[in-house]
mmCIF file of all heavy atoms, coordinates in Angstrom:
data_MODEL
# 
_entry.id   MODEL 
# 
loop_
_atom_site.group_PDB 
_atom_site.id 
_atom_site.type_symbol 
_atom_site.label_atom_id 
_atom_site.label_alt_id 
_atom_site.label_comp_id 
_atom_site.label_asym_id 
_atom_site.label_entity_id 
_atom_site.label_seq_id 
_atom_site.pdbx_PDB_ins_code 
_atom_site.Cartn_x 
_atom_site.Cartn_y 
_atom_site.Cartn_z 
_atom_site.occupancy 
_atom_site.B_iso_or_equiv 
_atom_site.pdbx_formal_charge 
_atom_site.auth_seq_id 
_atom_site.auth_comp_id 
_atom_site.auth_asym_id 
_atom_site.auth_atom_id 
_atom_site.pdbx_PDB_model_num 
ATOM 1   N N   . ILE A 1 1  ? -46.571 -100.389 106.549 1.00 0.00 ? 1  ILE A N   1 
ATOM 2   C CA  . ILE A 1 1  ? -47.120 -101.549 105.836 1.00 0.00 ? 1  ILE A CA  1 
ATOM 3   C C   . ILE A 1 1  ? -46.460 -101.658 104.459 1.00 0.00 ? 1  ILE A C   1 
ATOM 4   O O   . ILE A 1 1  ? -46.338 -100.681 103.735 1.00 0.00 ? 1  ILE A O   1 
ATOM 5   C CB  . ILE A 1 1  ? -48.652 -101.430 105.677 1.00 0.00 ? 1  ILE A CB  1 
ATOM 6   C CG1 . ILE A 1 1  ? -49.329 -101.407 107.060 1.00 0.00 ? 1  ILE A CG1 1 
ATOM 7   C CG2 . ILE A 1 1  ? -49.209 -102.570 104.832 1.00 0.00 ? 1  ILE A CG2 1 
ATOM 8   C CD1 . ILE A 1 1  ? -50.806 -101.075 107.005 1.00 0.00 ? 1  ILE A CD1 1 
ATOM 9   N N   . SER A 1 2  ? -46.074 -102.854 104.097 1.00 0.00 ? 2  SER A N   1 
ATOM 10  C CA  . SER A 1 2  ? -45.388 -103.105 102.820 1.00 0.00 ? 2  SER A CA  1 
ATOM 11  C C   . SER A 1 2  ? -46.383 -103.248 101.670 1.00 0.00 ? 2  SER A C   1 
ATOM 12  O O   . SER A 1 2  ? -46.552 -104.325 101.107 1.00 0.00 ? 2  SER A O   1 
ATOM 13  C CB  . SER A 1 2  ? -44.525 -104.367 102.932 1.00 0.00 ? 2  SER A CB  1 
ATOM 14  O OG  . SER A 1 2  ? -43.497 -104.172 103.845 1.00 0.00 ? 2  SER A OG  1 
ATOM 15  N N   . LEU A 1 3  ? -46.991 -102.145 101.280 1.00 0.00 ? 3  LEU A N   1 
ATOM 16  C CA  . LEU A 1 3  ? -47.958 -102.179 100.188 1.00 0.00 ? 3  LEU A CA  1 
ATOM 17  C C   . LEU A 1 3  ? -47.307 -102.375 98.830  1.00 0.00 ? 3  LEU A C   1 
ATOM 18  O O   . LEU A 1 3  ? -47.860 -103.029 97.953  1.00 0.00 ? 3  LEU A O   1 
ATOM 19  C CB  . LEU A 1 3  ? -48.759 -100.869 100.143 1.00 0.00 ? 3  LEU A CB  1 
ATOM 20  C CG  . LEU A 1 3  ? -49.825 -100.655 101.187 1.00 0.00 ? 3  LEU A CG  1 
ATOM 21  C CD1 . LEU A 1 3  ? -50.499 -99.305  100.972 1.00 0.00 ? 3  LEU A CD1 1 
ATOM 22  C CD2 . LEU A 1 3  ? -50.862 -101.766 101.133 1.00 0.00 ? 3  LEU A CD2 1 
ATOM 23  N N   . PHE A 1 4  ? -46.135 -101.800 98.640  1.00 0.00 ? 4  PHE A N   1 
ATOM 24  C CA  . PHE A 1 4  ? -45.555 -101.733 97.310  1.00 0.00 ? 4  PHE A CA  1 
ATOM 25  C C   . PHE A 1 4  ? -44.716 -102.949 96.950  1.00 0.00 ? 4  PHE A C   1 
ATOM 26  O O   . PHE A 1 4  ? -44.021 -102.947 95.940  1.00 0.00 ? 4  PHE A O   1 
ATOM 27  C CB  . PHE A 1 4  ? -44.789 -100.426 97.136  1.00 0.00 ? 4  PHE A CB  1 
ATOM 28  C CG  . PHE A 1 4  ? -45.653 -99.235  97.456  1.00 0.00 ? 4  PHE A CG  1 
ATOM 29  C CD1 . PHE A 1 4  ? -45.232 -98.282  98.362  1.00 0.00 ? 4  PHE A CD1 1 
ATOM 30  C CD2 . PHE A 1 4  ? -46.907 -99.099  96.890  1.00 0.00 ? 4  PHE A CD2 1 
ATOM 31  C CE1 . PHE A 1 4  ? -46.032 -97.208  98.675  1.00 0.00 ? 4  PHE A CE1 1 
ATOM 32  C CE2 . PHE A 1 4  ? -47.727 -98.025  97.202  1.00 0.00 ? 4  PHE A CE2 1 
ATOM 33  C CZ  . PHE A 1 4  ? -47.289 -97.068  98.101  1.00 0.00 ? 4  PHE A CZ  1 
ATOM 34  N N   . ASP A 1 5  ? -44.844 -104.007 97.742  1.00 0.00 ? 5  ASP A N   1 
ATOM 35  C CA  . ASP A 1 5  ? -44.325 -105.307 97.320  1.00 0.00 ? 5  ASP A CA  1 
ATOM 36  C C   . ASP A 1 5  ? -45.190 -105.841 96.181  1.00 0.00 ? 5  ASP A C   1 
ATOM 37  O O   . ASP A 1 5  ? -44.751 -106.667 95.407  1.00 0.00 ? 5  ASP A O   1 
ATOM 38  C CB  . ASP A 1 5  ? -44.366 -106.310 98.480  1.00 0.00 ? 5  ASP A CB  1 
ATOM 39  C CG  . ASP A 1 5  ? -43.314 -106.011 99.534  1.00 0.00 ? 5  ASP A CG  1 
ATOM 40  O OD1 . ASP A 1 5  ? -42.407 -105.201 99.269  1.00 0.00 ? 5  ASP A OD1 1 
ATOM 41  O OD2 . ASP A 1 5  ? -43.409 -106.590 100.631 1.00 0.00 ? 5  ASP A OD2 1 
ATOM 42  N N   . ASP A 1 6  ? -46.416 -105.360 96.131  1.00 0.00 ? 6  ASP A N   1 
ATOM 43  C CA  . ASP A 1 6  ? -47.368 -105.746 95.092  1.00 0.00 ? 6  ASP A CA  1 
ATOM 44  C C   . ASP A 1 6  ? -47.122 -104.868 93.866  1.00 0.00 ? 6  ASP A C   1 
ATOM 45  O O   . ASP A 1 6  ? -47.288 -103.648 93.922  1.00 0.00 ? 6  ASP A O   1 
ATOM 46  C CB  . ASP A 1 6  ? -48.792 -105.536 95.619  1.00 0.00 ? 6  ASP A CB  1 
ATOM 47  C CG  . ASP A 1 6  ? -49.865 -105.951 94.637  1.00 0.00 ? 6  ASP A CG  1 
ATOM 48  O OD1 . ASP A 1 6  ? -49.664 -105.809 93.419  1.00 0.00 ? 6  ASP A OD1 1 
ATOM 49  O OD2 . ASP A 1 6  ? -50.928 -106.395 95.105  1.00 0.00 ? 6  ASP A OD2 1 
ATOM 50  N N   . PRO A 1 7  ? -46.708 -105.459 92.745  1.00 0.00 ? 7  PRO A N   1 
ATOM 51  C CA  . PRO A 1 7  ? -46.387 -104.669 91.543  1.00 0.00 ? 7  PRO A CA  1 
ATOM 52  C C   . PRO A 1 7  ? -47.527 -103.775 91.055  1.00 0.00 ? 7  PRO A C   1 
ATOM 53  O O   . PRO A 1 7  ? -47.288 -102.677 90.582  1.00 0.00 ? 7  PRO A O   1 
ATOM 54  C CB  . PRO A 1 7  ? -46.048 -105.725 90.494  1.00 0.00 ? 7  PRO A CB  1 
ATOM 55  C CG  . PRO A 1 7  ? -45.645 -106.931 91.270  1.00 0.00 ? 7  PRO A CG  1 
ATOM 56  C CD  . PRO A 1 7  ? -46.449 -106.887 92.542  1.00 0.00 ? 7  PRO A CD  1 
ATOM 57  N N   . LYS A 1 8  ? -48.776 -104.217 91.184  1.00 0.00 ? 8  LYS A N   1 
ATOM 58  C CA  . LYS A 1 8  ? -49.909 -103.395 90.748  1.00 0.00 ? 8  LYS A CA  1 
ATOM 59  C C   . LYS A 1 8  ? -50.010 -102.118 91.573  1.00 0.00 ? 8  LYS A C   1 
ATOM 60  O O   . LYS A 1 8  ? -50.328 -101.045 91.048  1.00 0.00 ? 8  LYS A O   1 
ATOM 61  C CB  . LYS A 1 8  ? -51.221 -104.174 90.864  1.00 0.00 ? 8  LYS A CB  1 
ATOM 62  C CG  . LYS A 1 8  ? -51.600 -104.899 89.624  1.00 0.00 ? 8  LYS A CG  1 
ATOM 63  C CD  . LYS A 1 8  ? -51.947 -103.899 88.551  1.00 0.00 ? 8  LYS A CD  1 
ATOM 64  C CE  . LYS A 1 8  ? -52.613 -104.542 87.380  1.00 0.00 ? 8  LYS A CE  1 
ATOM 65  N NZ  . LYS A 1 8  ? -52.390 -103.830 86.146  1.00 0.00 ? 8  LYS A NZ  1 
ATOM 66  N N   . LEU A 1 9  ? -49.745 -102.225 92.874  1.00 0.00 ? 9  LEU A N   1 
ATOM 67  C CA  . LEU A 1 9  ? -49.824 -101.053 93.738  1.00 0.00 ? 9  LEU A CA  1 
ATOM 68  C C   . LEU A 1 9  ? -48.659 -100.099 93.481  1.00 0.00 ? 9  LEU A C   1 
ATOM 69  O O   . LEU A 1 9  ? -48.841 -98.880  93.479  1.00 0.00 ? 9  LEU A O   1 
ATOM 70  C CB  . LEU A 1 9  ? -49.877 -101.474 95.210  1.00 0.00 ? 9  LEU A CB  1 
ATOM 71  C CG  . LEU A 1 9  ? -51.055 -102.392 95.588  1.00 0.00 ? 9  LEU A CG  1 
ATOM 72  C CD1 . LEU A 1 9  ? -51.036 -102.709 97.069  1.00 0.00 ? 9  LEU A CD1 1 
ATOM 73  C CD2 . LEU A 1 9  ? -52.384 -101.803 95.173  1.00 0.00 ? 9  LEU A CD2 1 
ATOM 74  N N   . SER A 1 10 ? -47.476 -100.649 93.241  1.00 0.00 ? 10 SER A N   1 
ATOM 75  C CA  . SER A 1 10 ? -46.336 -99.776  92.933  1.00 0.00 ? 10 SER A CA  1 
ATOM 76  C C   . SER A 1 10 ? -46.511 -99.127  91.555  1.00 0.00 ? 10 SER A C   1 
ATOM 77  O O   . SER A 1 10 ? -46.106 -97.981  91.352  1.00 0.00 ? 10 SER A O   1 
ATOM 78  C CB  . SER A 1 10 ? -45.008 -100.524 93.040  1.00 0.00 ? 10 SER A CB  1 
ATOM 79  O OG  . SER A 1 10 ? -44.982 -101.654 92.224  1.00 0.00 ? 10 SER A OG  1 
ATOM 80  N N   . GLU A 1 11 ? -47.156 -99.818  90.628  1.00 0.00 ? 11 GLU A N   1 
ATOM 81  C CA  . GLU A 1 11 ? -47.457 -99.220  89.314  1.00 0.00 ? 11 GLU A CA  1 
ATOM 82  C C   . GLU A 1 11 ? -48.383 -98.020  89.470  1.00 0.00 ? 11 GLU A C   1 
ATOM 83  O O   . GLU A 1 11 ? -48.261 -97.032  88.735  1.00 0.00 ? 11 GLU A O   1 
ATOM 84  C CB  . GLU A 1 11 ? -48.114 -100.246 88.392  1.00 0.00 ? 11 GLU A CB  1 
ATOM 85  C CG  . GLU A 1 11 ? -47.151 -101.220 87.771  1.00 0.00 ? 11 GLU A CG  1 
ATOM 86  C CD  . GLU A 1 11 ? -47.866 -102.285 86.942  1.00 0.00 ? 11 GLU A CD  1 
ATOM 87  O OE1 . GLU A 1 11 ? -48.929 -101.981 86.344  1.00 0.00 ? 11 GLU A OE1 1 
ATOM 88  O OE2 . GLU A 1 11 ? -47.354 -103.412 86.905  1.00 0.00 ? 11 GLU A OE2 1 
ATOM 89  N N   . THR A 1 12 ? -49.312 -98.100  90.409  1.00 0.00 ? 12 THR A N   1 
ATOM 90  C CA  . THR A 1 12 ? -50.209 -96.977  90.685  1.00 0.00 ? 12 THR A CA  1 
ATOM 91  C C   . THR A 1 12 ? -49.406 -95.748  91.092  1.00 0.00 ? 12 THR A C   1 
ATOM 92  O O   . THR A 1 12 ? -49.679 -94.635  90.643  1.00 0.00 ? 12 THR A O   1 
ATOM 93  C CB  . THR A 1 12 ? -51.210 -97.356  91.797  1.00 0.00 ? 12 THR A CB  1 
ATOM 94  O OG1 . THR A 1 12 ? -52.023 -98.430  91.327  1.00 0.00 ? 12 THR A OG1 1 
ATOM 95  C CG2 . THR A 1 12 ? -52.088 -96.181  92.189  1.00 0.00 ? 12 THR A CG2 1 
ATOM 96  N N   . VAL A 1 13 ? -48.404 -95.944  91.922  1.00 0.00 ? 13 VAL A N   1 
ATOM 97  C CA  . VAL A 1 13 ? -47.549 -94.837  92.357  1.00 0.00 ? 13 VAL A CA  1 
ATOM 98  C C   . VAL A 1 13 ? -46.768 -94.279  91.169  1.00 0.00 ? 13 VAL A C   1 
ATOM 99  O O   . VAL A 1 13 ? -46.702 -93.064  90.963  1.00 0.00 ? 13 VAL A O   1 
ATOM 100 C CB  . VAL A 1 13 ? -46.598 -95.288  93.490  1.00 0.00 ? 13 VAL A CB  1 
ATOM 101 C CG1 . VAL A 1 13 ? -45.553 -94.234  93.799  1.00 0.00 ? 13 VAL A CG1 1 
ATOM 102 C CG2 . VAL A 1 13 ? -47.398 -95.630  94.743  1.00 0.00 ? 13 VAL A CG2 1 
ATOM 103 N N   . LEU A 1 14 ? -46.195 -95.153  90.365  1.00 0.00 ? 14 LEU A N   1 
ATOM 104 C CA  . LEU A 1 14 ? -45.426 -94.702  89.199  1.00 0.00 ? 14 LEU A CA  1 
ATOM 105 C C   . LEU A 1 14 ? -46.315 -93.953  88.200  1.00 0.00 ? 14 LEU A C   1 
ATOM 106 O O   . LEU A 1 14 ? -45.914 -92.915  87.666  1.00 0.00 ? 14 LEU A O   1 
ATOM 107 C CB  . LEU A 1 14 ? -44.749 -95.892  88.520  1.00 0.00 ? 14 LEU A CB  1 
ATOM 108 C CG  . LEU A 1 14 ? -43.637 -96.559  89.321  1.00 0.00 ? 14 LEU A CG  1 
ATOM 109 C CD1 . LEU A 1 14 ? -43.198 -97.849  88.644  1.00 0.00 ? 14 LEU A CD1 1 
ATOM 110 C CD2 . LEU A 1 14 ? -42.465 -95.620  89.515  1.00 0.00 ? 14 LEU A CD2 1 
ATOM 111 N N   . ASP A 1 15 ? -47.518 -94.453  87.969  1.00 0.00 ? 15 ASP A N   1 
ATOM 112 C CA  . ASP A 1 15 ? -48.451 -93.767  87.074  1.00 0.00 ? 15 ASP A CA  1 
ATOM 113 C C   . ASP A 1 15 ? -48.788 -92.374  87.605  1.00 0.00 ? 15 ASP A C   1 
ATOM 114 O O   . ASP A 1 15 ? -48.912 -91.412  86.832  1.00 0.00 ? 15 ASP A O   1 
ATOM 115 C CB  . ASP A 1 15 ? -49.748 -94.574  86.904  1.00 0.00 ? 15 ASP A CB  1 
ATOM 116 C CG  . ASP A 1 15 ? -49.557 -95.848  86.097  1.00 0.00 ? 15 ASP A CG  1 
ATOM 117 O OD1 . ASP A 1 15 ? -48.506 -96.001  85.429  1.00 0.00 ? 15 ASP A OD1 1 
ATOM 118 O OD2 . ASP A 1 15 ? -50.471 -96.706  86.146  1.00 0.00 ? 15 ASP A OD2 1 
ATOM 119 N N   . SER A 1 16 ? -48.916 -92.248  88.907  1.00 0.00 ? 16 SER A N   1 
ATOM 120 C CA  . SER A 1 16 ? -49.253 -90.960  89.510  1.00 0.00 ? 16 SER A CA  1 
ATOM 121 C C   . SER A 1 16 ? -48.078 -89.992  89.474  1.00 0.00 ? 16 SER A C   1 
ATOM 122 O O   . SER A 1 16 ? -48.273 -88.782  89.338  1.00 0.00 ? 16 SER A O   1 
ATOM 123 C CB  . SER A 1 16 ? -49.733 -91.167  90.951  1.00 0.00 ? 16 SER A CB  1 
ATOM 124 O OG  . SER A 1 16 ? -50.946 -91.891  90.937  1.00 0.00 ? 16 SER A OG  1 
ATOM 125 N N   . ILE A 1 17 ? -46.860 -90.504  89.578  1.00 0.00 ? 17 ILE A N   1 
ATOM 126 C CA  . ILE A 1 17 ? -45.676 -89.654  89.419  1.00 0.00 ? 17 ILE A CA  1 
ATOM 127 C C   . ILE A 1 17 ? -45.642 -89.122  87.987  1.00 0.00 ? 17 ILE A C   1 
ATOM 128 O O   . ILE A 1 17 ? -45.401 -87.932  87.755  1.00 0.00 ? 17 ILE A O   1 
ATOM 129 C CB  . ILE A 1 17 ? -44.383 -90.427  89.760  1.00 0.00 ? 17 ILE A CB  1 
ATOM 130 C CG1 . ILE A 1 17 ? -44.330 -90.756  91.257  1.00 0.00 ? 17 ILE A CG1 1 
ATOM 131 C CG2 . ILE A 1 17 ? -43.143 -89.610  89.358  1.00 0.00 ? 17 ILE A CG2 1 
ATOM 132 C CD1 . ILE A 1 17 ? -43.208 -91.712  91.642  1.00 0.00 ? 17 ILE A CD1 1 
ATOM 133 N N   . THR A 1 18 ? -45.926 -89.990  87.027  1.00 0.00 ? 18 THR A N   1 
ATOM 134 C CA  . THR A 1 18 ? -45.976 -89.575  85.623  1.00 0.00 ? 18 THR A CA  1 
ATOM 135 C C   . THR A 1 18 ? -47.053 -88.523  85.405  1.00 0.00 ? 18 THR A C   1 
ATOM 136 O O   . THR A 1 18 ? -46.840 -87.525  84.700  1.00 0.00 ? 18 THR A O   1 
ATOM 137 C CB  . THR A 1 18 ? -46.220 -90.797  84.713  1.00 0.00 ? 18 THR A CB  1 
ATOM 138 O OG1 . THR A 1 18 ? -45.123 -91.697  84.860  1.00 0.00 ? 18 THR A OG1 1 
ATOM 139 C CG2 . THR A 1 18 ? -46.367 -90.395  83.257  1.00 0.00 ? 18 THR A CG2 1 
ATOM 140 N N   . TYR A 1 19 ? -48.195 -88.710  86.012  1.00 0.00 ? 19 TYR A N   1 
ATOM 141 C CA  . TYR A 1 19 ? -49.285 -87.742  85.887  1.00 0.00 ? 19 TYR A CA  1 
ATOM 142 C C   . TYR A 1 19 ? -48.850 -86.377  86.416  1.00 0.00 ? 19 TYR A C   1 
ATOM 143 O O   . TYR A 1 19 ? -49.093 -85.343  85.780  1.00 0.00 ? 19 TYR A O   1 
ATOM 144 C CB  . TYR A 1 19 ? -50.531 -88.243  86.631  1.00 0.00 ? 19 TYR A CB  1 
ATOM 145 C CG  . TYR A 1 19 ? -51.697 -87.298  86.540  1.00 0.00 ? 19 TYR A CG  1 
ATOM 146 C CD1 . TYR A 1 19 ? -52.500 -87.273  85.405  1.00 0.00 ? 19 TYR A CD1 1 
ATOM 147 C CD2 . TYR A 1 19 ? -51.980 -86.422  87.575  1.00 0.00 ? 19 TYR A CD2 1 
ATOM 148 C CE1 . TYR A 1 19 ? -53.572 -86.396  85.301  1.00 0.00 ? 19 TYR A CE1 1 
ATOM 149 C CE2 . TYR A 1 19 ? -53.052 -85.532  87.485  1.00 0.00 ? 19 TYR A CE2 1 
ATOM 150 C CZ  . TYR A 1 19 ? -53.837 -85.525  86.353  1.00 0.00 ? 19 TYR A CZ  1 
ATOM 151 O OH  . TYR A 1 19 ? -54.894 -84.647  86.252  1.00 0.00 ? 19 TYR A OH  1 
ATOM 152 N N   . MET A 1 20 ? -48.202 -86.360  87.601  1.00 0.00 ? 20 MET A N   1 
ATOM 153 C CA  . MET A 1 20 ? -47.704 -85.103  88.167  1.00 0.00 ? 20 MET A CA  1 
ATOM 154 C C   . MET A 1 20 ? -46.744 -84.430  87.196  1.00 0.00 ? 20 MET A C   1 
ATOM 155 O O   . MET A 1 20 ? -46.789 -83.221  86.989  1.00 0.00 ? 20 MET A O   1 
ATOM 156 C CB  . MET A 1 20 ? -46.969 -85.360  89.496  1.00 0.00 ? 20 MET A CB  1 
ATOM 157 C CG  . MET A 1 20 ? -47.755 -85.052  90.708  1.00 0.00 ? 20 MET A CG  1 
ATOM 158 S SD  . MET A 1 20 ? -46.800 -84.927  92.251  1.00 0.00 ? 20 MET A SD  1 
ATOM 159 C CE  . MET A 1 20 ? -45.503 -86.092  92.128  1.00 0.00 ? 20 MET A CE  1 
ATOM 160 N N   . ARG A 1 21 ? -45.879 -85.227  86.620  1.00 0.00 ? 21 ARG A N   1 
ATOM 161 C CA  . ARG A 1 21 ? -44.902 -84.695  85.664  1.00 0.00 ? 21 ARG A CA  1 
ATOM 162 C C   . ARG A 1 21 ? -45.610 -84.104  84.449  1.00 0.00 ? 21 ARG A C   1 
ATOM 163 O O   . ARG A 1 21 ? -45.251 -83.032  83.964  1.00 0.00 ? 21 ARG A O   1 
ATOM 164 C CB  . ARG A 1 21 ? -43.937 -85.796  85.234  1.00 0.00 ? 21 ARG A CB  1 
ATOM 165 C CG  . ARG A 1 21 ? -42.802 -85.295  84.386  1.00 0.00 ? 21 ARG A CG  1 
ATOM 166 C CD  . ARG A 1 21 ? -41.748 -86.390  84.180  1.00 0.00 ? 21 ARG A CD  1 
ATOM 167 N NE  . ARG A 1 21 ? -40.700 -85.888  83.326  1.00 0.00 ? 21 ARG A NE  1 
ATOM 168 C CZ  . ARG A 1 21 ? -40.697 -86.020  81.999  1.00 0.00 ? 21 ARG A CZ  1 
ATOM 169 N NH1 . ARG A 1 21 ? -41.666 -86.671  81.389  1.00 0.00 ? 21 ARG A NH1 1 
ATOM 170 N NH2 . ARG A 1 21 ? -39.709 -85.519  81.281  1.00 0.00 ? 21 ARG A NH2 1 
ATOM 171 N N   . ASN A 1 22 ? -46.645 -84.765  83.977  1.00 0.00 ? 22 ASN A N   1 
ATOM 172 C CA  . ASN A 1 22 ? -47.414 -84.259  82.843  1.00 0.00 ? 22 ASN A CA  1 
ATOM 173 C C   . ASN A 1 22 ? -48.180 -82.977  83.181  1.00 0.00 ? 22 ASN A C   1 
ATOM 174 O O   . ASN A 1 22 ? -48.571 -82.237  82.287  1.00 0.00 ? 22 ASN A O   1 
ATOM 175 C CB  . ASN A 1 22 ? -48.387 -85.319  82.325  1.00 0.00 ? 22 ASN A CB  1 
ATOM 176 C CG  . ASN A 1 22 ? -47.677 -86.481  81.675  1.00 0.00 ? 22 ASN A CG  1 
ATOM 177 O OD1 . ASN A 1 22 ? -46.527 -86.378  81.252  1.00 0.00 ? 22 ASN A OD1 1 
ATOM 178 N ND2 . ASN A 1 22 ? -48.349 -87.616  81.614  1.00 0.00 ? 22 ASN A ND2 1 
ATOM 179 N N   . LYS A 1 23 ? -48.378 -82.727  84.462  1.00 0.00 ? 23 LYS A N   1 
ATOM 180 C CA  . LYS A 1 23 ? -49.058 -81.506  84.917  1.00 0.00 ? 23 LYS A CA  1 
ATOM 181 C C   . LYS A 1 23 ? -48.071 -80.379  85.236  1.00 0.00 ? 23 LYS A C   1 
ATOM 182 O O   . LYS A 1 23 ? -48.435 -79.380  85.839  1.00 0.00 ? 23 LYS A O   1 
ATOM 183 C CB  . LYS A 1 23 ? -49.916 -81.804  86.158  1.00 0.00 ? 23 LYS A CB  1 
ATOM 184 C CG  . LYS A 1 23 ? -51.140 -82.630  85.857  1.00 0.00 ? 23 LYS A CG  1 
ATOM 185 C CD  . LYS A 1 23 ? -52.070 -81.871  84.955  1.00 0.00 ? 23 LYS A CD  1 
ATOM 186 C CE  . LYS A 1 23 ? -53.354 -82.586  84.695  1.00 0.00 ? 23 LYS A CE  1 
ATOM 187 N NZ  . LYS A 1 23 ? -54.222 -81.859  83.791  1.00 0.00 ? 23 LYS A NZ  1 
ATOM 188 N N   . GLY A 1 24 ? -46.793 -80.563  84.861  1.00 0.00 ? 24 GLY A N   1 
ATOM 189 C CA  . GLY A 1 24 ? -45.825 -79.480  85.002  1.00 0.00 ? 24 GLY A CA  1 
ATOM 190 C C   . GLY A 1 24 ? -44.862 -79.590  86.160  1.00 0.00 ? 24 GLY A C   1 
ATOM 191 O O   . GLY A 1 24 ? -44.048 -78.688  86.375  1.00 0.00 ? 24 GLY A O   1 
ATOM 192 N N   . ILE A 1 25 ? -44.924 -80.654  86.928  1.00 0.00 ? 25 ILE A N   1 
ATOM 193 C CA  . ILE A 1 25 ? -43.980 -80.850  88.023  1.00 0.00 ? 25 ILE A CA  1 
ATOM 194 C C   . ILE A 1 25 ? -42.732 -81.535  87.471  1.00 0.00 ? 25 ILE A C   1 
ATOM 195 O O   . ILE A 1 25 ? -42.833 -82.558  86.794  1.00 0.00 ? 25 ILE A O   1 
ATOM 196 C CB  . ILE A 1 25 ? -44.600 -81.705  89.155  1.00 0.00 ? 25 ILE A CB  1 
ATOM 197 C CG1 . ILE A 1 25 ? -45.830 -81.008  89.742  1.00 0.00 ? 25 ILE A CG1 1 
ATOM 198 C CG2 . ILE A 1 25 ? -43.568 -82.022  90.236  1.00 0.00 ? 25 ILE A CG2 1 
ATOM 199 C CD1 . ILE A 1 25 ? -45.570 -79.646  90.346  1.00 0.00 ? 25 ILE A CD1 1 
ATOM 200 N N   . CYS A 1 26 ? -41.562 -80.961  87.731  1.00 0.00 ? 26 CYS A N   1 
ATOM 201 C CA  . CYS A 1 26 ? -40.302 -81.587  87.323  1.00 0.00 ? 26 CYS A CA  1 
ATOM 202 C C   . CYS A 1 26 ? -39.974 -82.700  88.312  1.00 0.00 ? 26 CYS A C   1 
ATOM 203 O O   . CYS A 1 26 ? -39.956 -82.477  89.518  1.00 0.00 ? 26 CYS A O   1 
ATOM 204 C CB  . CYS A 1 26 ? -39.170 -80.571  87.311  1.00 0.00 ? 26 CYS A CB  1 
ATOM 205 S SG  . CYS A 1 26 ? -39.331 -79.348  86.004  1.00 0.00 ? 26 CYS A SG  1 
ATOM 206 N N   . VAL A 1 27 ? -39.755 -83.885  87.801  1.00 0.00 ? 27 VAL A N   1 
ATOM 207 C CA  . VAL A 1 27 ? -39.392 -85.043  88.616  1.00 0.00 ? 27 VAL A CA  1 
ATOM 208 C C   . VAL A 1 27 ? -37.941 -85.376  88.284  1.00 0.00 ? 27 VAL A C   1 
ATOM 209 O O   . VAL A 1 27 ? -37.645 -85.883  87.214  1.00 0.00 ? 27 VAL A O   1 
ATOM 210 C CB  . VAL A 1 27 ? -40.313 -86.254  88.328  1.00 0.00 ? 27 VAL A CB  1 
ATOM 211 C CG1 . VAL A 1 27 ? -39.873 -87.465  89.147  1.00 0.00 ? 27 VAL A CG1 1 
ATOM 212 C CG2 . VAL A 1 27 ? -41.766 -85.908  88.598  1.00 0.00 ? 27 VAL A CG2 1 
ATOM 213 N N   . PHE A 1 28 ? -37.045 -85.071  89.225  1.00 0.00 ? 28 PHE A N   1 
ATOM 214 C CA  . PHE A 1 28 ? -35.620 -85.286  89.011  1.00 0.00 ? 28 PHE A CA  1 
ATOM 215 C C   . PHE A 1 28 ? -35.158 -86.660  89.478  1.00 0.00 ? 28 PHE A C   1 
ATOM 216 O O   . PHE A 1 28 ? -34.214 -87.218  88.940  1.00 0.00 ? 28 PHE A O   1 
ATOM 217 C CB  . PHE A 1 28 ? -34.800 -84.209  89.723  1.00 0.00 ? 28 PHE A CB  1 
ATOM 218 C CG  . PHE A 1 28 ? -35.101 -82.823  89.234  1.00 0.00 ? 28 PHE A CG  1 
ATOM 219 C CD1 . PHE A 1 28 ? -35.651 -81.878  90.077  1.00 0.00 ? 28 PHE A CD1 1 
ATOM 220 C CD2 . PHE A 1 28 ? -34.842 -82.456  87.921  1.00 0.00 ? 28 PHE A CD2 1 
ATOM 221 C CE1 . PHE A 1 28 ? -35.925 -80.602  89.636  1.00 0.00 ? 28 PHE A CE1 1 
ATOM 222 C CE2 . PHE A 1 28 ? -35.124 -81.174  87.459  1.00 0.00 ? 28 PHE A CE2 1 
ATOM 223 C CZ  . PHE A 1 28 ? -35.666 -80.245  88.326  1.00 0.00 ? 28 PHE A CZ  1 
# 
């Protein structure tokens, strides 16, 4: 399903990647 065509939903993913990074996960 193409959920991330919706910018708000893709922003949720990006915010969560940032959160993981802030918790010590290296995002390359």
